[in-house]
């Protein structure tokens, strides 16, 4: 009998109680929760990084297209019967830009001169483009169905225009927020554009991109060298 009791004591010593099993399962559950939580955070971070990479690449491509179109601005004169006479088709404000360019963005095929508009509207960078055929296109209302949203999630756009120094008028070179070619009688030498983007977390801190583009057509003698042979004839 004594030997049998010892055997039972040894057997019971090797087993687990219900409390011990529950504690072990709870600890194991916490460990698995931490592991899966880490995997989930890593995947979310990778997904956000991949999305941010695509956004940055898209912004870079669009910025390059805009820069090329602005560089291809031509001193296009609009004929009018009003007393003010013909005037250059260029109007720049702090949050909008209108001009005529030899480089279209919407199509790869050259279509001659195009009339382009950039404007900020309801947090979107709106782009509008059509062929410069109608004499009064600069005064007409833009059609909604012709507008394209280039970039979303924008908090602000700022255009600036560089006015060259004029010794005769005793004026120094400076950046201005508006440029009306009807009054200036010429195009700006440089154009600077700053685009500020909203952050997804809603914080006040914003990311922004800035580019400065030269306009060769601000001097008539440089227009011929700025455009291909097939376009030179159309430059007024």
Protein backbone atom coordinates (compact mmCIF):
# COMPACT_ATOMS: atom_id res chain seq x y z
CA UNK A 1 0.00 0.00 0.00
CA UNK A 2 2.77 2.38 0.77
CA UNK A 3 4.37 1.81 -2.61
CA UNK A 4 1.07 2.50 -4.37
CA UNK A 5 0.59 5.81 -2.51
CA UNK A 6 4.02 6.99 -3.50
CA UNK A 7 3.27 6.23 -7.12
CA UNK A 8 0.11 8.32 -6.99
CA UNK A 9 2.02 11.23 -5.40
CA UNK A 10 4.63 11.12 -8.15
CA UNK A 11 1.96 11.04 -10.87
CA UNK A 12 0.01 13.96 -9.42
CA UNK A 13 3.19 16.04 -9.15
CA UNK A 14 3.77 15.86 -12.92
CA UNK A 15 0.29 17.13 -13.91
CA UNK A 16 -1.16 20.70 -14.37
CA UNK A 17 -4.06 22.20 -12.57
CA UNK A 18 -6.91 24.01 -14.37
CA UNK A 19 -5.65 27.38 -13.09
CA UNK A 20 -2.18 26.77 -14.49
CA UNK A 21 -3.62 25.80 -17.88
CA UNK A 22 -5.74 28.98 -18.00
CA UNK A 23 -2.79 31.19 -17.06
CA UNK A 24 -0.63 29.51 -19.73
CA UNK A 25 -3.31 29.97 -22.41
CA UNK A 26 -3.77 33.62 -21.42
CA UNK A 27 -0.04 34.33 -21.68
CA UNK A 28 0.12 32.52 -25.02
CA UNK A 29 -2.82 34.57 -26.27
CA UNK A 30 -1.09 37.81 -25.31
CA UNK A 31 2.09 36.71 -27.10
CA UNK A 32 0.16 35.84 -30.27
CA UNK A 33 -1.72 39.15 -30.07
CA UNK A 34 1.55 41.07 -29.85
CA UNK A 35 3.05 39.12 -32.75
CA UNK A 36 0.05 39.61 -35.04
CA UNK A 37 -0.21 43.26 -33.99
CA UNK A 38 3.41 43.77 -35.00
CA UNK A 39 2.76 42.14 -38.37
CA UNK A 40 -0.26 44.35 -38.90
CA UNK A 41 1.63 47.54 -38.07
CA UNK A 42 4.47 46.53 -40.36
CA UNK A 43 2.07 45.85 -43.22
CA UNK A 44 0.23 49.15 -42.66
CA UNK A 45 3.53 51.04 -42.61
CA UNK A 46 4.65 49.31 -45.81
CA UNK A 47 1.30 50.06 -47.47
CA UNK A 48 1.47 53.73 -46.46
CA UNK A 49 5.06 53.96 -47.65
CA UNK A 50 4.14 52.44 -51.00
CA UNK A 51 1.18 54.82 -51.35
CA UNK A 52 3.34 57.84 -50.46
CA UNK A 53 5.91 56.71 -52.99
CA UNK A 54 3.27 56.60 -55.73
CA UNK A 55 1.97 60.05 -54.73
CA UNK A 56 5.47 61.54 -54.81
CA UNK A 57 6.16 60.00 -58.19
CA UNK A 58 2.86 61.30 -59.58
CA UNK A 59 3.57 64.79 -58.22
CA UNK A 60 7.05 64.73 -59.75
CA UNK A 61 5.72 63.71 -63.19
CA UNK A 62 2.98 66.34 -63.14
CA UNK A 63 5.45 69.02 -62.02
CA UNK A 64 7.71 68.16 -64.94
CA UNK A 65 4.82 68.38 -67.41
CA UNK A 66 3.75 71.75 -66.03
CA UNK A 67 7.32 73.02 -66.15
CA UNK A 68 7.70 71.99 -69.79
CA UNK A 69 4.42 73.60 -70.81
CA UNK A 70 5.29 76.86 -69.05
CA UNK A 71 8.72 76.91 -70.72
CA UNK A 72 6.90 76.63 -74.06
CA UNK A 73 4.77 79.75 -73.51
CA UNK A 74 4.51 81.85 -76.67
CA UNK A 75 3.82 85.60 -76.97
CA UNK A 76 0.45 84.97 -78.59
CA UNK A 77 -1.42 88.17 -79.42
CA UNK A 78 -5.20 88.25 -79.34
CA UNK A 79 -6.78 90.45 -81.95
CA UNK A 80 -9.54 92.69 -80.72
CA UNK A 81 -11.61 95.49 -82.19
CA UNK A 82 -11.67 97.40 -78.92
CA UNK A 83 -9.79 100.63 -78.44
CA UNK A 84 -7.17 98.93 -76.30
CA UNK A 85 -5.89 97.05 -79.36
CA UNK A 86 -4.21 93.66 -79.53
CA UNK A 87 -2.76 92.23 -76.32
CA UNK A 88 -0.65 89.30 -75.14
CA UNK A 89 -2.64 86.25 -74.00
CA UNK A 90 -1.13 85.93 -70.54
CA UNK A 91 -2.76 86.58 -67.19
CA UNK A 92 -1.16 85.54 -63.94
CA UNK A 93 -2.64 85.81 -60.46
CA UNK A 94 -1.61 84.40 -57.10
CA UNK A 95 -3.80 81.28 -57.43
CA UNK A 96 -4.47 81.05 -61.16
CA UNK A 97 -2.60 81.21 -64.43
CA UNK A 98 -3.74 81.65 -68.05
CA UNK A 99 -1.43 81.48 -71.06
CA UNK A 100 -0.88 80.11 -74.57
CA UNK A 101 1.72 77.39 -75.07
CA UNK A 102 3.20 75.47 -77.98
CA UNK A 103 3.23 72.25 -75.91
CA UNK A 104 -0.07 70.46 -75.17
CA UNK A 105 -0.34 68.16 -72.14
CA UNK A 106 -3.60 66.35 -72.85
CA UNK A 107 -2.39 64.84 -76.11
CA UNK A 108 0.97 63.56 -77.31
CA UNK A 109 0.39 64.77 -80.85
CA UNK A 110 1.22 68.42 -81.58
CA UNK A 111 -1.92 70.45 -82.21
CA UNK A 112 -0.41 73.88 -82.66
CA UNK A 113 -0.88 76.44 -79.93
CA UNK A 114 -3.06 75.56 -76.93
CA UNK A 115 -4.77 77.77 -74.39
CA UNK A 116 -4.11 76.51 -70.85
CA UNK A 117 -5.50 77.43 -67.43
CA UNK A 118 -4.20 76.40 -64.00
CA UNK A 119 -6.34 77.21 -60.98
CA UNK A 120 -6.95 76.08 -57.39
CA UNK A 121 -10.55 75.07 -56.77
CA UNK A 122 -11.94 73.29 -53.68
CA UNK A 123 -8.63 71.70 -52.73
CA UNK A 124 -7.89 70.49 -56.24
CA UNK A 125 -5.39 71.65 -58.82
CA UNK A 126 -7.59 72.13 -61.89
CA UNK A 127 -6.19 72.11 -65.42
CA UNK A 128 -7.97 73.24 -68.56
CA UNK A 129 -6.67 73.11 -72.12
CA UNK A 130 -8.03 73.73 -75.59
CA UNK A 131 -6.72 74.73 -78.99
CA UNK A 132 -6.15 78.44 -79.45
CA UNK A 133 -8.38 78.94 -82.47
CA UNK A 134 -11.09 81.36 -81.44
CA UNK A 135 -10.08 84.98 -81.28
CA UNK A 136 -12.11 85.58 -78.14
CA UNK A 137 -11.10 82.43 -76.25
CA UNK A 138 -9.27 84.44 -73.60
CA UNK A 139 -12.48 86.20 -72.58
CA UNK A 140 -14.79 83.15 -72.68
CA UNK A 141 -15.99 81.05 -69.76
CA UNK A 142 -14.31 77.67 -69.37
CA UNK A 143 -16.44 74.58 -69.84
CA UNK A 144 -16.76 72.29 -66.83
CA UNK A 145 -16.56 69.12 -68.90
CA UNK A 146 -13.15 70.19 -70.23
CA UNK A 147 -11.56 70.54 -66.81
CA UNK A 148 -9.15 67.95 -65.39
CA UNK A 149 -8.04 67.50 -61.78
CA UNK A 150 -4.26 67.14 -61.78
CA UNK A 151 -3.69 66.91 -58.02
CA UNK A 152 -5.97 66.50 -54.98
CA UNK A 153 -5.55 67.28 -51.30
CA UNK A 154 -4.07 70.74 -51.90
CA UNK A 155 -4.33 73.48 -49.31
CA UNK A 156 -2.79 76.30 -51.32
CA UNK A 157 -1.18 77.22 -54.64
CA UNK A 158 0.93 80.30 -55.11
CA UNK A 159 2.15 81.71 -58.41
CA UNK A 160 4.81 84.44 -58.49
CA UNK A 161 6.21 86.34 -61.46
CA UNK A 162 9.61 87.95 -61.81
CA UNK A 163 9.75 91.47 -63.21
CA UNK A 164 13.14 92.49 -64.60
CA UNK A 165 14.91 95.61 -63.50
CA UNK A 166 14.33 98.70 -65.61
CA UNK A 167 17.02 101.35 -65.35
CA UNK A 168 15.03 103.88 -67.37
CA UNK A 169 12.10 103.64 -64.96
CA UNK A 170 14.42 103.25 -61.97
CA UNK A 171 12.84 99.91 -61.03
CA UNK A 172 14.64 96.99 -59.43
CA UNK A 173 14.00 93.36 -60.27
CA UNK A 174 11.33 91.86 -58.02
CA UNK A 175 8.80 89.05 -57.60
CA UNK A 176 5.15 90.08 -57.94
CA UNK A 177 1.92 88.18 -57.22
CA UNK A 178 0.04 89.29 -60.33
CA UNK A 179 0.97 89.81 -63.94
CA UNK A 180 -1.38 91.32 -66.49
CA UNK A 181 0.20 91.30 -69.95
CA UNK A 182 -2.22 93.99 -71.10
CA UNK A 183 -0.50 96.42 -68.75
CA UNK A 184 3.00 94.97 -68.72
CA UNK A 185 3.13 94.68 -72.53
CA UNK A 186 5.43 91.67 -72.15
CA UNK A 187 5.81 88.28 -70.45
CA UNK A 188 7.57 87.69 -67.13
CA UNK A 189 11.12 86.40 -67.26
CA UNK A 190 10.60 83.76 -64.56
CA UNK A 191 7.64 82.03 -62.96
CA UNK A 192 7.69 80.43 -59.52
CA UNK A 193 4.98 78.02 -58.35
CA UNK A 194 4.54 76.66 -54.83
CA UNK A 195 2.03 73.87 -54.10
CA UNK A 196 1.17 73.00 -50.48
CA UNK A 197 -0.44 69.63 -49.72
CA UNK A 198 -2.66 68.69 -46.79
CA UNK A 199 -1.45 65.97 -44.47
CA UNK A 200 -3.71 62.98 -43.96
CA UNK A 201 -3.54 63.24 -40.16
CA UNK A 202 -5.10 66.69 -40.19
CA UNK A 203 -2.13 68.48 -38.61
CA UNK A 204 -1.25 72.05 -39.47
CA UNK A 205 2.15 71.02 -40.84
CA UNK A 206 2.02 70.65 -44.59
CA UNK A 207 4.32 69.37 -47.29
CA UNK A 208 5.03 71.52 -50.32
CA UNK A 209 6.87 71.46 -53.61
CA UNK A 210 8.28 74.50 -55.38
CA UNK A 211 9.58 74.98 -58.88
CA UNK A 212 10.95 77.96 -60.76
CA UNK A 213 10.66 78.03 -64.54
CA UNK A 214 12.23 80.41 -67.03
CA UNK A 215 10.13 81.74 -69.91
CA UNK A 216 12.35 82.11 -73.00
CA UNK A 217 9.55 83.90 -74.88
CA UNK A 218 9.80 86.95 -72.61
CA UNK A 219 12.30 88.25 -75.19
CA UNK A 220 11.13 88.03 -78.83
CA UNK A 221 14.61 87.24 -80.16
CA UNK A 222 14.74 84.09 -78.02
CA UNK A 223 11.42 82.69 -79.24
CA UNK A 224 12.84 81.24 -82.45
CA UNK A 225 15.50 79.32 -80.56
CA UNK A 226 13.03 78.07 -77.98
CA UNK A 227 10.72 76.08 -80.28
CA UNK A 228 11.15 73.40 -82.96
CA UNK A 229 11.28 74.29 -86.64
CA UNK A 230 7.69 73.20 -87.26
CA UNK A 231 6.37 75.68 -84.72
CA UNK A 232 8.43 78.74 -85.58
CA UNK A 233 6.07 79.91 -88.29
CA UNK A 234 3.19 80.22 -85.86
CA UNK A 235 5.02 82.44 -83.41
CA UNK A 236 3.66 85.96 -83.83
